[in-house]
């Protein structure tokens, strides 16, 4: 649950920064979703790499 909330928070922060820098909806959604998914699945990705 902690990782889910952290992903939501960091995804939202990434989206806000992207929106403030470029005002582009497509990039904003892409960055927010990418950051959230990487946080949610980061443990599984790192286990495969190590």
PDB file of N, CA and C in Angstrom:
ATOM      1  N   UNK A   1       0.821  -1.187   0.000  1.00  0.00           N
ATOM      2  CA  UNK A   1       0.000   0.000   0.000  1.00  0.00           C
ATOM      3  C   UNK A   1       0.867   1.253   0.000  1.00  0.00           C
ATOM      4  N   UNK A   2       1.974   1.208   0.718  1.00  0.00           N
ATOM      5  CA  UNK A   2       2.868   2.361   0.772  1.00  0.00           C
ATOM      6  C   UNK A   2       3.436   2.671  -0.608  1.00  0.00           C
ATOM      7  N   UNK A   3       3.828   1.627  -1.331  1.00  0.00           N
ATOM      8  CA  UNK A   3       4.391   1.834  -2.665  1.00  0.00           C
ATOM      9  C   UNK A   3       3.356   2.416  -3.616  1.00  0.00           C
ATOM     10  N   UNK A   4       2.101   1.993  -3.468  1.00  0.00           N
ATOM     11  CA  UNK A   4       1.027   2.520  -4.304  1.00  0.00           C
ATOM     12  C   UNK A   4       0.838   4.017  -4.054  1.00  0.00           C
ATOM     13  N   UNK A   5       0.778   4.408  -2.790  1.00  0.00           N
ATOM     14  CA  UNK A   5       0.602   5.822  -2.456  1.00  0.00           C
ATOM     15  C   UNK A   5       1.812   6.656  -2.866  1.00  0.00           C
ATOM     16  N   UNK A   6       3.006   6.105  -2.696  1.00  0.00           N
ATOM     17  CA  UNK A   6       4.219   6.802  -3.125  1.00  0.00           C
ATOM     18  C   UNK A   6       4.219   6.989  -4.643  1.00  0.00           C
ATOM     19  N   UNK A   7       3.795   5.977  -5.379  1.00  0.00           N
ATOM     20  CA  UNK A   7       3.705   6.085  -6.834  1.00  0.00           C
ATOM     21  C   UNK A   7       2.698   7.135  -7.252  1.00  0.00           C
ATOM     22  N   UNK A   8       1.569   7.188  -6.552  1.00  0.00           N
ATOM     23  CA  UNK A   8       0.564   8.205  -6.840  1.00  0.00           C
ATOM     24  C   UNK A   8       1.115   9.603  -6.579  1.00  0.00           C
ATOM     25  N   UNK A   9       1.801   9.766  -5.473  1.00  0.00           N
ATOM     26  CA  UNK A   9       2.369  11.068  -5.119  1.00  0.00           C
ATOM     27  C   UNK A   9       3.458  11.494  -6.101  1.00  0.00           C
ATOM     28  N   UNK A  10       4.395  10.615  -6.381  1.00  0.00           N
ATOM     29  CA  UNK A  10       5.488  10.963  -7.294  1.00  0.00           C
ATOM     30  C   UNK A  10       5.004  11.137  -8.731  1.00  0.00           C
ATOM     31  N   UNK A  11       4.027  10.341  -9.141  1.00  0.00           N
ATOM     32  CA  UNK A  11       3.440  10.511 -10.471  1.00  0.00           C
ATOM     33  C   UNK A  11       2.760  11.860 -10.609  1.00  0.00           C
ATOM     34  N   UNK A  12       2.048  12.247  -9.558  1.00  0.00           N
ATOM     35  CA  UNK A  12       1.397  13.555  -9.553  1.00  0.00           C
ATOM     36  C   UNK A  12       2.395  14.699  -9.570  1.00  0.00           C
ATOM     37  N   UNK A  13       3.470  14.560  -8.818  1.00  0.00           N
ATOM     38  CA  UNK A  13       4.517  15.590  -8.812  1.00  0.00           C
ATOM     39  C   UNK A  13       5.195  15.692 -10.177  1.00  0.00           C
ATOM     40  N   UNK A  14       5.473  14.548 -10.778  1.00  0.00           N
ATOM     41  CA  UNK A  14       6.072  14.555 -12.113  1.00  0.00           C
ATOM     42  C   UNK A  14       5.162  15.192 -13.141  1.00  0.00           C
ATOM     43  N   UNK A  15       3.867  14.913 -13.032  1.00  0.00           N
ATOM     44  CA  UNK A  15       2.895  15.524 -13.940  1.00  0.00           C
ATOM     45  C   UNK A  15       2.811  17.026 -13.737  1.00  0.00           C
ATOM     46  N   UNK A  16       2.829  17.455 -12.491  1.00  0.00           N
ATOM     47  CA  UNK A  16       2.749  18.891 -12.203  1.00  0.00           C
ATOM     48  C   UNK A  16       3.964  19.638 -12.744  1.00  0.00           C
ATOM     49  N   UNK A  17       5.133  19.061 -12.592  1.00  0.00           N
ATOM     50  CA  UNK A  17       6.351  19.691 -13.107  1.00  0.00           C
ATOM     51  C   UNK A  17       6.315  19.745 -14.632  1.00  0.00           C
ATOM     52  N   UNK A  18       5.872  18.654 -15.250  1.00  0.00           N
ATOM     53  CA  UNK A  18       5.774  18.624 -16.709  1.00  0.00           C
ATOM     54  C   UNK A  18       4.763  19.644 -17.209  1.00  0.00           C
ATOM     55  N   UNK A  19       3.627  19.752 -16.547  1.00  0.00           N
ATOM     56  CA  UNK A  19       2.608  20.712 -16.947  1.00  0.00           C
ATOM     57  C   UNK A  19       3.116  22.142 -16.794  1.00  0.00           C
ATOM     58  N   UNK A  20       3.823  22.424 -15.701  1.00  0.00           N
ATOM     59  CA  UNK A  20       4.351  23.765 -15.462  1.00  0.00           C
ATOM     60  C   UNK A  20       5.407  24.137 -16.503  1.00  0.00           C
ATOM     61  N   UNK A  21       6.154  23.157 -16.965  1.00  0.00           N
ATOM     62  CA  UNK A  21       7.219  23.433 -17.927  1.00  0.00           C
ATOM     63  C   UNK A  21       6.711  23.547 -19.354  1.00  0.00           C
ATOM     64  N   UNK A  22       5.700  22.758 -19.723  1.00  0.00           N
ATOM     65  CA  UNK A  22       5.352  22.721 -21.129  1.00  0.00           C
ATOM     66  C   UNK A  22       3.902  22.915 -21.501  1.00  0.00           C
ATOM     67  N   UNK A  23       2.974  22.795 -20.572  1.00  0.00           N
ATOM     68  CA  UNK A  23       1.542  22.928 -20.841  1.00  0.00           C
ATOM     69  C   UNK A  23       1.081  22.014 -21.975  1.00  0.00           C
ATOM     70  N   UNK A  24       1.617  20.790 -21.999  1.00  0.00           N
ATOM     71  CA  UNK A  24       1.252  19.814 -23.009  1.00  0.00           C
ATOM     72  C   UNK A  24       0.580  18.625 -22.315  1.00  0.00           C
ATOM     73  N   UNK A  25      -0.680  18.398 -22.633  1.00  0.00           N
ATOM     74  CA  UNK A  25      -1.452  17.357 -21.954  1.00  0.00           C
ATOM     75  C   UNK A  25      -0.889  15.957 -22.207  1.00  0.00           C
ATOM     76  N   UNK A  26      -0.467  15.691 -23.417  1.00  0.00           N
ATOM     77  CA  UNK A  26       0.066  14.362 -23.749  1.00  0.00           C
ATOM     78  C   UNK A  26       1.302  14.021 -22.942  1.00  0.00           C
ATOM     79  N   UNK A  27       2.248  14.935 -22.891  1.00  0.00           N
ATOM     80  CA  UNK A  27       3.464  14.702 -22.116  1.00  0.00           C
ATOM     81  C   UNK A  27       3.166  14.611 -20.633  1.00  0.00           C
ATOM     82  N   UNK A  28       2.225  15.410 -20.164  1.00  0.00           N
ATOM     83  CA  UNK A  28       1.864  15.394 -18.748  1.00  0.00           C
ATOM     84  C   UNK A  28       1.333  14.030 -18.336  1.00  0.00           C
ATOM     85  N   UNK A  29       0.425  13.482 -19.116  1.00  0.00           N
ATOM     86  CA  UNK A  29      -0.142  12.165 -18.818  1.00  0.00           C
ATOM     87  C   UNK A  29       0.935  11.090 -18.936  1.00  0.00           C
ATOM     88  N   UNK A  30       1.753  11.157 -19.980  1.00  0.00           N
ATOM     89  CA  UNK A  30       2.794  10.141 -20.195  1.00  0.00           C
ATOM     90  C   UNK A  30       3.797  10.109 -19.047  1.00  0.00           C
ATOM     91  N   UNK A  31       4.244  11.261 -18.598  1.00  0.00           N
ATOM     92  CA  UNK A  31       5.220  11.318 -17.511  1.00  0.00           C
ATOM     93  C   UNK A  31       4.601  10.842 -16.201  1.00  0.00           C
ATOM     94  N   UNK A  32       3.391  11.287 -15.905  1.00  0.00           N
ATOM     95  CA  UNK A  32       2.729  10.879 -14.669  1.00  0.00           C
ATOM     96  C   UNK A  32       2.516   9.383 -14.593  1.00  0.00           C
ATOM     97  N   UNK A  33       2.011   8.791 -15.654  1.00  0.00           N
ATOM     98  CA  UNK A  33       1.756   7.345 -15.668  1.00  0.00           C
ATOM     99  C   UNK A  33       3.067   6.560 -15.629  1.00  0.00           C
ATOM    100  N   UNK A  34       4.064   7.013 -16.361  1.00  0.00           N
ATOM    101  CA  UNK A  34       5.356   6.321 -16.380  1.00  0.00           C
ATOM    102  C   UNK A  34       6.001   6.304 -15.003  1.00  0.00           C
ATOM    103  N   UNK A  35       6.020   7.432 -14.338  1.00  0.00           N
ATOM    104  CA  UNK A  35       6.619   7.500 -13.001  1.00  0.00           C
ATOM    105  C   UNK A  35       5.845   6.611 -12.034  1.00  0.00           C
ATOM    106  N   UNK A  36       4.521   6.674 -12.068  1.00  0.00           N
ATOM    107  CA  UNK A  36       3.719   5.860 -11.162  1.00  0.00           C
ATOM    108  C   UNK A  36       3.948   4.367 -11.394  1.00  0.00           C
ATOM    109  N   UNK A  37       3.967   3.939 -12.637  1.00  0.00           N
ATOM    110  CA  UNK A  37       4.161   2.517 -12.949  1.00  0.00           C
ATOM    111  C   UNK A  37       5.560   2.061 -12.558  1.00  0.00           C
ATOM    112  N   UNK A  38       6.566   2.892 -12.785  1.00  0.00           N
ATOM    113  CA  UNK A  38       7.924   2.510 -12.398  1.00  0.00           C
ATOM    114  C   UNK A  38       8.060   2.376 -10.887  1.00  0.00           C
ATOM    115  N   UNK A  39       7.396   3.218 -10.137  1.00  0.00           N
ATOM    116  CA  UNK A  39       7.435   3.090  -8.681  1.00  0.00           C
ATOM    117  C   UNK A  39       6.694   1.831  -8.248  1.00  0.00           C
ATOM    118  N   UNK A  40       5.514   1.577  -8.842  1.00  0.00           N
ATOM    119  CA  UNK A  40       4.722   0.408  -8.459  1.00  0.00           C
ATOM    120  C   UNK A  40       5.431  -0.892  -8.795  1.00  0.00           C
ATOM    121  N   UNK A  41       6.092  -0.948  -9.938  1.00  0.00           N
ATOM    122  CA  UNK A  41       6.711  -2.192 -10.395  1.00  0.00           C
ATOM    123  C   UNK A  41       8.222  -2.208 -10.219  1.00  0.00           C
ATOM    124  N   UNK A  42       8.764  -1.210  -9.569  1.00  0.00           N
ATOM    125  CA  UNK A  42      10.212  -1.082  -9.424  1.00  0.00           C
ATOM    126  C   UNK A  42      10.864  -2.264  -8.734  1.00  0.00           C
ATOM    127  N   UNK A  43      10.211  -2.810  -7.739  1.00  0.00           N
ATOM    128  CA  UNK A  43      10.786  -3.937  -7.010  1.00  0.00           C
ATOM    129  C   UNK A  43      10.951  -5.144  -7.934  1.00  0.00           C
ATOM    130  N   UNK A  44       9.959  -5.405  -8.759  1.00  0.00           N
ATOM    131  CA  UNK A  44      10.030  -6.547  -9.672  1.00  0.00           C
ATOM    132  C   UNK A  44      11.072  -6.323 -10.759  1.00  0.00           C
ATOM    133  N   UNK A  45      11.179  -5.088 -11.242  1.00  0.00           N
ATOM    134  CA  UNK A  45      12.160  -4.769 -12.280  1.00  0.00           C
ATOM    135  C   UNK A  45      13.569  -4.906 -11.725  1.00  0.00           C
ATOM    136  N   UNK A  46      13.804  -4.389 -10.511  1.00  0.00           N
ATOM    137  CA  UNK A  46      15.135  -4.471  -9.905  1.00  0.00           C
ATOM    138  C   UNK A  46      15.514  -5.916  -9.593  1.00  0.00           C
ATOM    139  N   UNK A  47      14.561  -6.734  -9.168  1.00  0.00           N
ATOM    140  CA  UNK A  47      14.865  -8.148  -8.895  1.00  0.00           C
ATOM    141  C   UNK A  47      15.337  -8.860 -10.156  1.00  0.00           C
ATOM    142  N   UNK A  48      14.760  -8.524 -11.299  1.00  0.00           N
ATOM    143  CA  UNK A  48      15.171  -9.147 -12.555  1.00  0.00           C
ATOM    144  C   UNK A  48      16.544  -8.672 -13.006  1.00  0.00           C
ATOM    145  N   UNK A  49      16.875  -7.425 -12.702  1.00  0.00           N
ATOM    146  CA  UNK A  49      18.155  -6.871 -13.147  1.00  0.00           C
ATOM    147  C   UNK A  49      19.331  -7.293 -12.282  1.00  0.00           C
ATOM    148  N   UNK A  50      19.050  -7.566 -11.008  1.00  0.00           N
ATOM    149  CA  UNK A  50      20.145  -7.884 -10.071  1.00  0.00           C
ATOM    150  C   UNK A  50      20.367  -9.365 -10.007  1.00  0.00           C
TER     151      UNK A  50
END
